[in-house]
């Protein structure tokens, strides 16, 4: 990957479309909705799943299917979000891939690096494959949703084309912020 271009420097990036999905102005990629899903927890009693009264929170790029509903359990509830709650102790990375093999390799690398499978969600449409990572490994990034896409761009200084990554980070108020402000000095 070549240069990382932080989209916070582009003033026209405020979310203006009605559905709160982010569209990268450089790559023209519209990211899918993010869903916060409350999943009823269960336990096995005499080899039968039983609801235990608590819920787990998952983040997905598509609504849950009715096929996920277990008999005797409350329904899964899904809410479209464009920001995280102030109480969430995670951040989300949403990454767009145009190449299926690259996305699969990235997903396999996540497993190799110890990211739990339920913390990696995917969504495919005509524009490519999107991966959503639920992460908690960088305290300064907590509460942010970071969108990443890439494209080939001509770099005049090099006189050549280079693949560039475009990054937009949104805080809990829904404002775009410079990625460097939540990456530099994380160990401080």
N, C-alpha and C. Protein backbone atom coordinates (compact mmCIF):
# COMPACT_ATOMS: atom_id res chain seq x y z
N UNK A 1 0.86 -1.18 0.00
CA UNK A 1 0.00 0.00 0.00
C UNK A 1 0.89 1.23 0.00
N UNK A 2 0.51 2.20 -0.75
CA UNK A 2 1.29 3.43 -0.86
C UNK A 2 0.92 4.43 0.20
N UNK A 3 0.68 5.64 -0.23
CA UNK A 3 0.36 6.74 0.68
C UNK A 3 -0.97 6.50 1.37
N UNK A 4 -1.08 7.02 2.59
CA UNK A 4 -2.36 7.05 3.29
C UNK A 4 -2.84 8.49 3.23
N UNK A 5 -4.00 8.68 2.66
CA UNK A 5 -4.56 10.02 2.51
C UNK A 5 -5.71 10.17 3.49
N UNK A 6 -5.53 11.06 4.45
CA UNK A 6 -6.51 11.27 5.50
C UNK A 6 -7.60 12.20 4.99
N UNK A 7 -8.81 11.67 4.91
CA UNK A 7 -9.90 12.42 4.31
C UNK A 7 -10.41 13.55 5.22
N UNK A 8 -9.91 13.65 6.44
CA UNK A 8 -10.32 14.74 7.33
C UNK A 8 -9.90 16.09 6.78
N UNK A 9 -8.93 16.10 5.90
CA UNK A 9 -8.46 17.36 5.35
C UNK A 9 -9.38 17.90 4.25
N UNK A 10 -10.39 17.13 3.87
CA UNK A 10 -11.33 17.58 2.84
C UNK A 10 -12.60 18.08 3.53
N UNK A 11 -12.82 19.39 3.49
CA UNK A 11 -13.91 20.02 4.23
C UNK A 11 -15.29 19.54 3.78
N UNK A 12 -15.42 19.15 2.53
CA UNK A 12 -16.72 18.78 1.99
C UNK A 12 -17.16 17.38 2.41
N UNK A 13 -16.46 16.76 3.34
CA UNK A 13 -16.73 15.38 3.69
C UNK A 13 -17.83 15.17 4.71
N UNK A 14 -18.40 16.22 5.22
CA UNK A 14 -19.46 16.04 6.22
C UNK A 14 -20.52 15.12 5.67
N UNK A 15 -21.06 14.27 6.53
CA UNK A 15 -22.11 13.36 6.07
C UNK A 15 -23.31 14.19 5.65
N UNK A 16 -23.67 14.11 4.40
CA UNK A 16 -24.78 14.92 3.92
C UNK A 16 -25.92 14.08 3.38
N UNK A 17 -25.67 12.82 3.08
CA UNK A 17 -26.77 12.01 2.56
C UNK A 17 -27.68 11.57 3.70
N UNK A 18 -28.92 11.30 3.39
CA UNK A 18 -29.95 11.08 4.40
C UNK A 18 -29.75 9.80 5.21
N UNK A 19 -29.07 8.81 4.67
CA UNK A 19 -28.99 7.54 5.40
C UNK A 19 -27.74 7.40 6.26
N UNK A 20 -26.93 8.43 6.36
CA UNK A 20 -25.74 8.45 7.21
C UNK A 20 -24.67 7.45 6.81
N UNK A 21 -24.72 6.94 5.60
CA UNK A 21 -23.62 6.08 5.15
C UNK A 21 -22.51 6.98 4.63
N UNK A 22 -21.28 6.55 4.84
CA UNK A 22 -20.13 7.33 4.38
C UNK A 22 -19.81 6.95 2.94
N UNK A 23 -19.61 7.98 2.10
CA UNK A 23 -19.15 7.78 0.73
C UNK A 23 -17.81 8.49 0.59
N UNK A 24 -16.79 7.75 0.19
CA UNK A 24 -15.47 8.34 -0.01
C UNK A 24 -15.50 9.17 -1.29
N UNK A 25 -15.19 10.47 -1.21
CA UNK A 25 -15.25 11.30 -2.40
C UNK A 25 -14.15 11.00 -3.41
N UNK A 26 -13.08 10.35 -3.00
CA UNK A 26 -11.99 10.03 -3.92
C UNK A 26 -12.24 8.73 -4.68
N UNK A 27 -12.78 7.71 -3.99
CA UNK A 27 -13.00 6.41 -4.63
C UNK A 27 -14.45 6.21 -5.04
N UNK A 28 -15.34 7.08 -4.57
CA UNK A 28 -16.78 7.00 -4.83
C UNK A 28 -17.39 5.71 -4.29
N UNK A 29 -16.80 5.16 -3.25
CA UNK A 29 -17.32 3.95 -2.61
C UNK A 29 -18.25 4.37 -1.48
N UNK A 30 -19.49 3.88 -1.53
CA UNK A 30 -20.44 4.09 -0.44
C UNK A 30 -20.40 2.85 0.43
N UNK A 31 -20.06 3.04 1.68
CA UNK A 31 -19.96 1.93 2.61
C UNK A 31 -21.35 1.49 3.06
N UNK A 32 -21.50 0.21 3.38
CA UNK A 32 -22.82 -0.26 3.83
C UNK A 32 -23.17 0.29 5.22
N UNK A 33 -24.43 0.16 5.58
CA UNK A 33 -24.86 0.53 6.93
C UNK A 33 -24.14 -0.36 7.94
N UNK A 34 -23.96 0.17 9.13
CA UNK A 34 -23.45 -0.63 10.25
C UNK A 34 -24.64 -0.88 11.17
N UNK A 35 -24.79 -2.13 11.60
CA UNK A 35 -25.88 -2.50 12.49
C UNK A 35 -25.32 -2.92 13.85
N UNK A 36 -25.90 -2.38 14.89
CA UNK A 36 -25.61 -2.82 16.25
C UNK A 36 -26.69 -3.84 16.58
N UNK A 37 -26.28 -5.08 16.81
CA UNK A 37 -27.23 -6.18 16.99
C UNK A 37 -27.13 -6.72 18.42
N UNK A 38 -28.29 -6.77 19.09
CA UNK A 38 -28.35 -7.40 20.41
C UNK A 38 -28.78 -8.85 20.23
N UNK A 39 -27.89 -9.75 20.63
CA UNK A 39 -28.11 -11.19 20.45
C UNK A 39 -28.38 -11.82 21.81
N UNK A 40 -29.53 -12.49 21.98
CA UNK A 40 -29.82 -13.15 23.26
C UNK A 40 -28.83 -14.27 23.53
N UNK A 41 -28.31 -14.31 24.75
CA UNK A 41 -27.35 -15.34 25.15
C UNK A 41 -28.10 -16.59 25.59
N UNK A 42 -27.49 -17.72 25.36
CA UNK A 42 -28.11 -18.98 25.74
C UNK A 42 -27.12 -19.92 26.37
N UNK A 43 -27.67 -20.96 26.93
CA UNK A 43 -26.87 -22.02 27.55
C UNK A 43 -27.58 -23.34 27.24
N UNK A 44 -26.86 -24.42 27.26
CA UNK A 44 -27.47 -25.72 27.02
C UNK A 44 -27.96 -26.33 28.33
N UNK A 45 -29.23 -26.68 28.36
CA UNK A 45 -29.82 -27.39 29.49
C UNK A 45 -30.43 -28.67 28.92
N UNK A 46 -29.87 -29.79 29.33
CA UNK A 46 -30.29 -31.09 28.79
C UNK A 46 -30.24 -31.08 27.25
N UNK A 47 -29.14 -30.56 26.73
CA UNK A 47 -28.88 -30.50 25.29
C UNK A 47 -29.87 -29.63 24.51
N UNK A 48 -30.58 -28.73 25.22
CA UNK A 48 -31.52 -27.82 24.58
C UNK A 48 -31.07 -26.38 24.89
N UNK A 49 -30.93 -25.53 23.85
CA UNK A 49 -30.55 -24.14 24.13
C UNK A 49 -31.66 -23.39 24.86
N UNK A 50 -31.26 -22.66 25.92
CA UNK A 50 -32.19 -21.91 26.76
C UNK A 50 -31.67 -20.49 26.93
N UNK A 51 -32.54 -19.51 26.75
CA UNK A 51 -32.20 -18.10 26.96
C UNK A 51 -31.87 -17.87 28.42
N UNK A 52 -30.74 -17.20 28.71
CA UNK A 52 -30.32 -17.01 30.11
C UNK A 52 -30.56 -15.58 30.61
N UNK A 53 -31.23 -14.76 29.81
CA UNK A 53 -31.62 -13.43 30.28
C UNK A 53 -30.65 -12.31 29.97
N UNK A 54 -29.54 -12.60 29.29
CA UNK A 54 -28.58 -11.55 28.95
C UNK A 54 -28.42 -11.48 27.43
N UNK A 55 -27.79 -10.40 26.99
CA UNK A 55 -27.57 -10.18 25.56
C UNK A 55 -26.11 -9.85 25.29
N UNK A 56 -25.63 -10.25 24.12
CA UNK A 56 -24.31 -9.85 23.63
C UNK A 56 -24.52 -8.84 22.53
N UNK A 57 -23.55 -7.94 22.38
CA UNK A 57 -23.63 -6.94 21.33
C UNK A 57 -22.67 -7.31 20.20
N UNK A 58 -23.19 -7.30 18.99
CA UNK A 58 -22.39 -7.55 17.80
C UNK A 58 -22.56 -6.37 16.87
N UNK A 59 -21.56 -6.15 16.02
CA UNK A 59 -21.64 -5.11 15.00
C UNK A 59 -21.51 -5.81 13.65
N UNK A 60 -22.41 -5.49 12.74
CA UNK A 60 -22.48 -6.16 11.44
C UNK A 60 -22.70 -5.15 10.33
N UNK A 61 -22.46 -5.61 9.10
CA UNK A 61 -22.69 -4.78 7.93
C UNK A 61 -23.98 -5.14 7.20
N UNK A 62 -24.74 -6.06 7.75
CA UNK A 62 -26.05 -6.39 7.20
C UNK A 62 -26.97 -6.80 8.34
N UNK A 63 -28.27 -6.65 8.10
CA UNK A 63 -29.25 -7.00 9.12
C UNK A 63 -29.23 -8.50 9.38
N UNK A 64 -29.55 -8.90 10.61
CA UNK A 64 -29.63 -10.34 10.88
C UNK A 64 -30.78 -10.98 10.10
N UNK A 65 -30.60 -12.22 9.79
CA UNK A 65 -31.60 -12.98 9.05
C UNK A 65 -32.59 -13.60 10.03
N UNK A 66 -33.81 -13.83 9.56
CA UNK A 66 -34.81 -14.50 10.39
C UNK A 66 -34.39 -15.95 10.68
N UNK A 67 -33.48 -16.48 9.88
CA UNK A 67 -32.97 -17.84 10.11
C UNK A 67 -32.12 -17.93 11.37
N UNK A 68 -31.66 -16.79 11.88
CA UNK A 68 -30.85 -16.79 13.10
C UNK A 68 -31.70 -16.88 14.36
N UNK A 69 -32.99 -16.72 14.23
CA UNK A 69 -33.89 -16.75 15.38
C UNK A 69 -34.01 -18.17 15.94
N UNK A 70 -33.71 -18.32 17.22
CA UNK A 70 -33.84 -19.61 17.89
C UNK A 70 -35.19 -19.71 18.60
N UNK A 71 -35.85 -20.86 18.53
CA UNK A 71 -37.13 -21.03 19.24
C UNK A 71 -36.94 -20.82 20.75
N UNK A 72 -37.87 -20.08 21.34
CA UNK A 72 -37.81 -19.84 22.78
C UNK A 72 -36.89 -18.70 23.18
N UNK A 73 -36.28 -18.05 22.22
CA UNK A 73 -35.39 -16.92 22.50
C UNK A 73 -36.06 -15.63 22.03
N UNK A 74 -35.77 -14.51 22.70
CA UNK A 74 -36.28 -13.23 22.19
C UNK A 74 -35.66 -12.95 20.82
N UNK A 75 -36.31 -12.12 20.01
CA UNK A 75 -35.75 -11.82 18.68
C UNK A 75 -34.47 -10.98 18.78
N UNK A 76 -33.61 -11.15 17.80
CA UNK A 76 -32.44 -10.29 17.70
C UNK A 76 -32.94 -8.90 17.34
N UNK A 77 -32.35 -7.88 17.93
CA UNK A 77 -32.73 -6.52 17.57
C UNK A 77 -31.53 -5.83 16.91
N UNK A 78 -31.79 -5.21 15.79
CA UNK A 78 -30.74 -4.54 15.04
C UNK A 78 -31.07 -3.07 14.89
N UNK A 79 -30.09 -2.22 15.14
CA UNK A 79 -30.24 -0.78 15.00
C UNK A 79 -29.16 -0.26 14.07
N UNK A 80 -29.54 0.55 13.06
CA UNK A 80 -28.54 1.18 12.20
C UNK A 80 -27.82 2.25 13.01
N UNK A 81 -26.50 2.27 12.90
CA UNK A 81 -25.72 3.29 13.60
C UNK A 81 -24.77 3.98 12.64
N UNK A 82 -24.42 5.20 12.96
CA UNK A 82 -23.36 5.89 12.23
C UNK A 82 -22.27 6.38 13.18
N UNK A 83 -22.51 6.21 14.48
CA UNK A 83 -21.51 6.52 15.51
C UNK A 83 -21.61 5.46 16.60
N UNK A 84 -20.58 5.37 17.41
CA UNK A 84 -20.61 4.49 18.57
C UNK A 84 -21.10 5.28 19.77
N UNK A 85 -21.55 4.57 20.79
CA UNK A 85 -21.96 5.22 22.03
C UNK A 85 -20.73 5.59 22.86
N UNK A 86 -20.87 6.61 23.69
CA UNK A 86 -19.76 7.04 24.53
C UNK A 86 -19.32 5.93 25.48
N UNK A 87 -20.22 5.00 25.81
CA UNK A 87 -19.88 3.93 26.75
C UNK A 87 -19.21 2.73 26.08
N UNK A 88 -19.22 2.69 24.73
CA UNK A 88 -18.57 1.58 24.03
C UNK A 88 -17.06 1.66 24.23
N UNK A 89 -16.45 0.56 24.55
CA UNK A 89 -15.01 0.53 24.77
C UNK A 89 -14.30 -0.16 23.62
N UNK A 90 -14.78 0.12 22.42
CA UNK A 90 -14.24 -0.47 21.20
C UNK A 90 -14.13 0.60 20.14
N UNK A 91 -13.53 0.24 19.02
CA UNK A 91 -13.63 1.04 17.80
C UNK A 91 -13.87 0.08 16.65
N UNK A 92 -14.36 0.63 15.54
CA UNK A 92 -14.67 -0.20 14.38
C UNK A 92 -13.82 0.25 13.20
N UNK A 93 -13.24 -0.71 12.51
CA UNK A 93 -12.54 -0.49 11.25
C UNK A 93 -13.40 -1.09 10.16
N UNK A 94 -13.78 -0.30 9.16
CA UNK A 94 -14.55 -0.80 8.03
C UNK A 94 -13.67 -0.63 6.80
N UNK A 95 -13.33 -1.75 6.14
CA UNK A 95 -12.35 -1.74 5.07
C UNK A 95 -13.00 -2.25 3.78
N UNK A 96 -12.79 -1.52 2.70
CA UNK A 96 -13.33 -1.91 1.39
C UNK A 96 -12.22 -2.58 0.56
N UNK A 97 -12.56 -3.71 -0.05
CA UNK A 97 -11.66 -4.41 -0.96
C UNK A 97 -12.35 -4.59 -2.29
N UNK A 98 -11.64 -4.33 -3.39
CA UNK A 98 -12.19 -4.62 -4.71
C UNK A 98 -11.78 -6.02 -5.15
N UNK A 99 -10.76 -6.57 -4.50
CA UNK A 99 -10.22 -7.87 -4.86
C UNK A 99 -10.63 -8.91 -3.82
N UNK A 100 -11.38 -9.93 -4.23
CA UNK A 100 -11.90 -10.96 -3.33
C UNK A 100 -10.76 -11.73 -2.65
N UNK A 101 -9.72 -12.06 -3.40
CA UNK A 101 -8.60 -12.82 -2.83
C UNK A 101 -7.86 -12.01 -1.76
N UNK A 102 -7.72 -10.71 -2.02
CA UNK A 102 -7.07 -9.85 -1.03
C UNK A 102 -7.89 -9.77 0.25
N UNK A 103 -9.21 -9.69 0.11
CA UNK A 103 -10.10 -9.64 1.28
C UNK A 103 -10.02 -10.96 2.06
N UNK A 104 -10.01 -12.08 1.35
CA UNK A 104 -9.91 -13.37 2.01
C UNK A 104 -8.57 -13.51 2.75
N UNK A 105 -7.50 -13.08 2.11
CA UNK A 105 -6.19 -13.12 2.76
C UNK A 105 -6.14 -12.25 4.00
N UNK A 106 -6.76 -11.07 3.92
CA UNK A 106 -6.81 -10.17 5.06
C UNK A 106 -7.59 -10.81 6.21
N UNK A 107 -8.72 -11.42 5.87
CA UNK A 107 -9.54 -12.07 6.89
C UNK A 107 -8.78 -13.22 7.55
N UNK A 108 -8.05 -14.00 6.76
CA UNK A 108 -7.25 -15.09 7.32
C UNK A 108 -6.14 -14.54 8.21
N UNK A 109 -5.55 -13.43 7.82
CA UNK A 109 -4.51 -12.80 8.64
C UNK A 109 -5.09 -12.34 9.97
N UNK A 110 -6.32 -11.84 9.96
CA UNK A 110 -6.97 -11.43 11.22
C UNK A 110 -7.05 -12.62 12.17
N UNK A 111 -7.44 -13.77 11.66
CA UNK A 111 -7.51 -14.98 12.49
C UNK A 111 -6.15 -15.36 13.00
N UNK A 112 -5.14 -15.27 12.15
CA UNK A 112 -3.77 -15.61 12.55
C UNK A 112 -3.26 -14.67 13.64
N UNK A 113 -3.69 -13.41 13.58
CA UNK A 113 -3.25 -12.42 14.57
C UNK A 113 -4.10 -12.42 15.84
N UNK A 114 -5.08 -13.33 15.92
CA UNK A 114 -5.83 -13.49 17.15
C UNK A 114 -7.13 -12.71 17.24
N UNK A 115 -7.57 -12.11 16.16
CA UNK A 115 -8.87 -11.43 16.19
C UNK A 115 -9.94 -12.50 16.08
N UNK A 116 -10.84 -12.56 17.05
CA UNK A 116 -11.87 -13.59 17.10
C UNK A 116 -12.77 -13.52 15.87
N UNK A 117 -13.19 -14.68 15.35
CA UNK A 117 -14.03 -14.68 14.14
C UNK A 117 -15.32 -13.87 14.28
N UNK A 118 -15.92 -13.83 15.46
CA UNK A 118 -17.16 -13.05 15.62
C UNK A 118 -16.89 -11.55 15.63
N UNK A 119 -15.62 -11.14 15.64
CA UNK A 119 -15.27 -9.73 15.59
C UNK A 119 -14.88 -9.28 14.19
N UNK A 120 -15.02 -10.20 13.21
CA UNK A 120 -14.75 -9.88 11.81
C UNK A 120 -16.00 -10.22 11.02
N UNK A 121 -16.65 -9.22 10.46
CA UNK A 121 -17.87 -9.42 9.70
C UNK A 121 -17.65 -8.94 8.27
N UNK A 122 -18.35 -9.55 7.33
CA UNK A 122 -18.16 -9.14 5.94
C UNK A 122 -19.50 -8.88 5.25
N UNK A 123 -19.42 -8.16 4.16
CA UNK A 123 -20.58 -7.83 3.34
C UNK A 123 -20.08 -7.67 1.91
N UNK A 124 -20.80 -8.26 0.97
CA UNK A 124 -20.39 -8.19 -0.43
C UNK A 124 -21.50 -7.55 -1.25
N UNK A 125 -21.12 -6.64 -2.14
CA UNK A 125 -22.07 -6.09 -3.10
C UNK A 125 -21.35 -5.89 -4.43
N UNK A 126 -21.98 -5.20 -5.36
CA UNK A 126 -21.40 -5.03 -6.70
C UNK A 126 -20.14 -4.18 -6.69
N UNK A 127 -19.90 -3.43 -5.62
CA UNK A 127 -18.71 -2.56 -5.54
C UNK A 127 -17.52 -3.25 -4.87
N UNK A 128 -17.71 -4.47 -4.37
CA UNK A 128 -16.60 -5.19 -3.76
C UNK A 128 -17.00 -5.84 -2.45
N UNK A 129 -16.00 -6.12 -1.63
CA UNK A 129 -16.22 -6.77 -0.36
C UNK A 129 -15.81 -5.81 0.75
N UNK A 130 -16.62 -5.77 1.80
CA UNK A 130 -16.35 -4.90 2.95
C UNK A 130 -16.12 -5.78 4.17
N UNK A 131 -15.12 -5.45 4.95
CA UNK A 131 -14.89 -6.14 6.22
C UNK A 131 -15.07 -5.15 7.35
N UNK A 132 -15.71 -5.58 8.42
CA UNK A 132 -15.87 -4.77 9.62
C UNK A 132 -15.13 -5.49 10.74
N UNK A 133 -14.19 -4.79 11.37
CA UNK A 133 -13.44 -5.34 12.49
C UNK A 133 -13.84 -4.61 13.76
N UNK A 134 -14.20 -5.38 14.76
CA UNK A 134 -14.48 -4.82 16.09
C UNK A 134 -13.19 -4.95 16.87
N UNK A 135 -12.64 -3.81 17.30
CA UNK A 135 -11.31 -3.83 17.92
C UNK A 135 -11.30 -3.05 19.23
N UNK A 136 -10.37 -3.43 20.08
CA UNK A 136 -10.18 -2.72 21.36
C UNK A 136 -8.70 -2.61 21.71
N UNK A 137 -7.84 -2.66 20.71
CA UNK A 137 -6.40 -2.72 20.94
C UNK A 137 -5.69 -1.37 20.89
N UNK A 138 -6.42 -0.27 20.76
CA UNK A 138 -5.81 1.05 20.70
C UNK A 138 -6.68 2.04 21.47
N UNK A 139 -6.31 2.33 22.73
CA UNK A 139 -7.16 3.17 23.59
C UNK A 139 -7.57 4.52 22.99
N UNK A 140 -6.71 5.16 22.22
CA UNK A 140 -7.06 6.47 21.65
C UNK A 140 -8.08 6.37 20.53
N UNK A 141 -8.24 5.19 19.94
CA UNK A 141 -9.21 5.00 18.86
C UNK A 141 -10.59 4.61 19.37
N UNK A 142 -10.70 4.27 20.64
CA UNK A 142 -11.98 3.84 21.21
C UNK A 142 -13.06 4.88 20.92
N UNK A 143 -14.24 4.40 20.50
CA UNK A 143 -15.35 5.28 20.20
C UNK A 143 -15.40 5.78 18.76
N UNK A 144 -14.41 5.42 17.96
CA UNK A 144 -14.34 5.90 16.58
C UNK A 144 -14.75 4.81 15.59
N UNK A 145 -15.27 5.26 14.46
CA UNK A 145 -15.50 4.38 13.32
C UNK A 145 -14.58 4.88 12.21
N UNK A 146 -13.73 3.97 11.70
CA UNK A 146 -12.72 4.33 10.71
C UNK A 146 -13.04 3.60 9.41
N UNK A 147 -13.21 4.36 8.35
CA UNK A 147 -13.51 3.81 7.02
C UNK A 147 -12.24 3.86 6.18
N UNK A 148 -11.96 2.75 5.46
CA UNK A 148 -10.76 2.67 4.63
C UNK A 148 -11.11 2.15 3.24
N UNK A 149 -10.66 2.88 2.23
CA UNK A 149 -10.80 2.40 0.85
C UNK A 149 -9.49 2.72 0.14
N UNK A 150 -9.30 2.16 -1.03
CA UNK A 150 -8.06 2.41 -1.75
C UNK A 150 -8.34 2.53 -3.24
N UNK A 151 -7.40 3.19 -3.92
CA UNK A 151 -7.51 3.37 -5.35
C UNK A 151 -6.13 3.75 -5.87
N UNK A 152 -5.93 3.57 -7.15
CA UNK A 152 -4.67 3.96 -7.78
C UNK A 152 -4.78 5.45 -8.13
N UNK A 153 -3.73 6.20 -7.79
CA UNK A 153 -3.74 7.64 -8.05
C UNK A 153 -2.39 8.01 -8.66
N UNK A 154 -2.42 8.94 -9.60
CA UNK A 154 -1.18 9.43 -10.19
C UNK A 154 -0.53 10.40 -9.21
N UNK A 155 0.71 10.13 -8.84
CA UNK A 155 1.46 11.01 -7.93
C UNK A 155 2.44 11.81 -8.78
N UNK A 156 2.20 13.11 -8.87
CA UNK A 156 3.00 13.96 -9.76
C UNK A 156 4.47 13.97 -9.37
N UNK A 157 4.77 14.01 -8.09
CA UNK A 157 6.16 14.04 -7.62
C UNK A 157 6.95 12.81 -8.03
N UNK A 158 6.27 11.67 -8.16
CA UNK A 158 6.93 10.43 -8.57
C UNK A 158 6.83 10.20 -10.08
N UNK A 159 5.88 10.87 -10.69
CA UNK A 159 5.64 10.65 -12.10
C UNK A 159 5.12 9.26 -12.41
N UNK A 160 4.39 8.69 -11.42
CA UNK A 160 3.87 7.32 -11.59
C UNK A 160 2.59 7.16 -10.79
N UNK A 161 1.88 6.08 -11.10
CA UNK A 161 0.69 5.75 -10.33
C UNK A 161 1.08 4.93 -9.12
N UNK A 162 0.34 5.13 -8.04
CA UNK A 162 0.61 4.41 -6.79
C UNK A 162 -0.73 4.11 -6.13
N UNK A 163 -0.83 2.94 -5.51
CA UNK A 163 -2.05 2.64 -4.77
C UNK A 163 -2.04 3.44 -3.48
N UNK A 164 -3.14 4.14 -3.24
CA UNK A 164 -3.26 4.99 -2.05
C UNK A 164 -4.44 4.51 -1.22
N UNK A 165 -4.29 4.60 0.09
CA UNK A 165 -5.38 4.28 1.00
C UNK A 165 -6.00 5.58 1.47
N UNK A 166 -7.34 5.65 1.38
CA UNK A 166 -8.09 6.82 1.83
C UNK A 166 -8.77 6.45 3.14
N UNK A 167 -8.57 7.28 4.15
CA UNK A 167 -9.06 6.96 5.49
C UNK A 167 -9.89 8.12 6.01
N UNK A 168 -11.04 7.78 6.60
CA UNK A 168 -11.89 8.77 7.24
C UNK A 168 -12.28 8.23 8.62
N UNK A 169 -11.98 8.98 9.67
CA UNK A 169 -12.30 8.57 11.04
C UNK A 169 -13.36 9.50 11.61
N UNK A 170 -14.44 8.90 12.13
CA UNK A 170 -15.53 9.66 12.73
C UNK A 170 -15.57 9.39 14.23
N UNK A 171 -15.75 10.45 15.03
CA UNK A 171 -15.82 10.29 16.49
C UNK A 171 -17.26 10.05 16.93
N UNK A 172 -17.49 10.01 18.24
CA UNK A 172 -18.83 9.68 18.75
C UNK A 172 -19.87 10.77 18.47
N UNK A 173 -19.42 11.98 18.11
CA UNK A 173 -20.35 13.03 17.71
C UNK A 173 -20.67 12.97 16.22
N UNK A 174 -20.01 12.07 15.48
CA UNK A 174 -20.22 11.98 14.05
C UNK A 174 -19.38 12.95 13.24
N UNK A 175 -18.40 13.59 13.89
CA UNK A 175 -17.53 14.53 13.20
C UNK A 175 -16.29 13.80 12.69
N UNK A 176 -15.86 14.16 11.48
CA UNK A 176 -14.65 13.57 10.93
C UNK A 176 -13.45 14.24 11.58
N UNK A 177 -12.47 13.42 11.94
CA UNK A 177 -11.27 13.94 12.61
C UNK A 177 -10.03 13.40 11.93
N UNK A 178 -8.89 14.07 12.08
CA UNK A 178 -7.65 13.54 11.49
C UNK A 178 -7.27 12.21 12.17
N UNK A 179 -6.99 11.21 11.37
CA UNK A 179 -6.61 9.90 11.91
C UNK A 179 -5.36 10.02 12.77
N UNK A 180 -4.44 10.89 12.38
CA UNK A 180 -3.20 11.04 13.14
C UNK A 180 -3.48 11.46 14.58
N UNK A 181 -4.55 12.18 14.83
CA UNK A 181 -4.85 12.65 16.19
C UNK A 181 -5.20 11.51 17.13
N UNK A 182 -5.59 10.35 16.59
CA UNK A 182 -5.90 9.20 17.45
C UNK A 182 -4.89 8.08 17.29
N UNK A 183 -3.85 8.30 16.49
CA UNK A 183 -2.81 7.28 16.33
C UNK A 183 -1.48 7.68 16.96
N UNK A 184 -1.08 8.92 16.84
CA UNK A 184 0.23 9.36 17.32
C UNK A 184 0.28 9.31 18.84
N UNK A 185 1.34 8.74 19.37
CA UNK A 185 1.54 8.69 20.83
C UNK A 185 0.56 7.82 21.55
N UNK A 186 0.12 6.72 20.95
CA UNK A 186 -0.86 5.84 21.61
C UNK A 186 -0.31 5.23 22.89
N UNK A 187 0.98 5.09 22.96
CA UNK A 187 1.59 4.43 24.12
C UNK A 187 1.84 5.40 25.27
N UNK A 188 1.50 6.66 25.10
CA UNK A 188 1.76 7.66 26.16
C UNK A 188 0.90 7.43 27.36
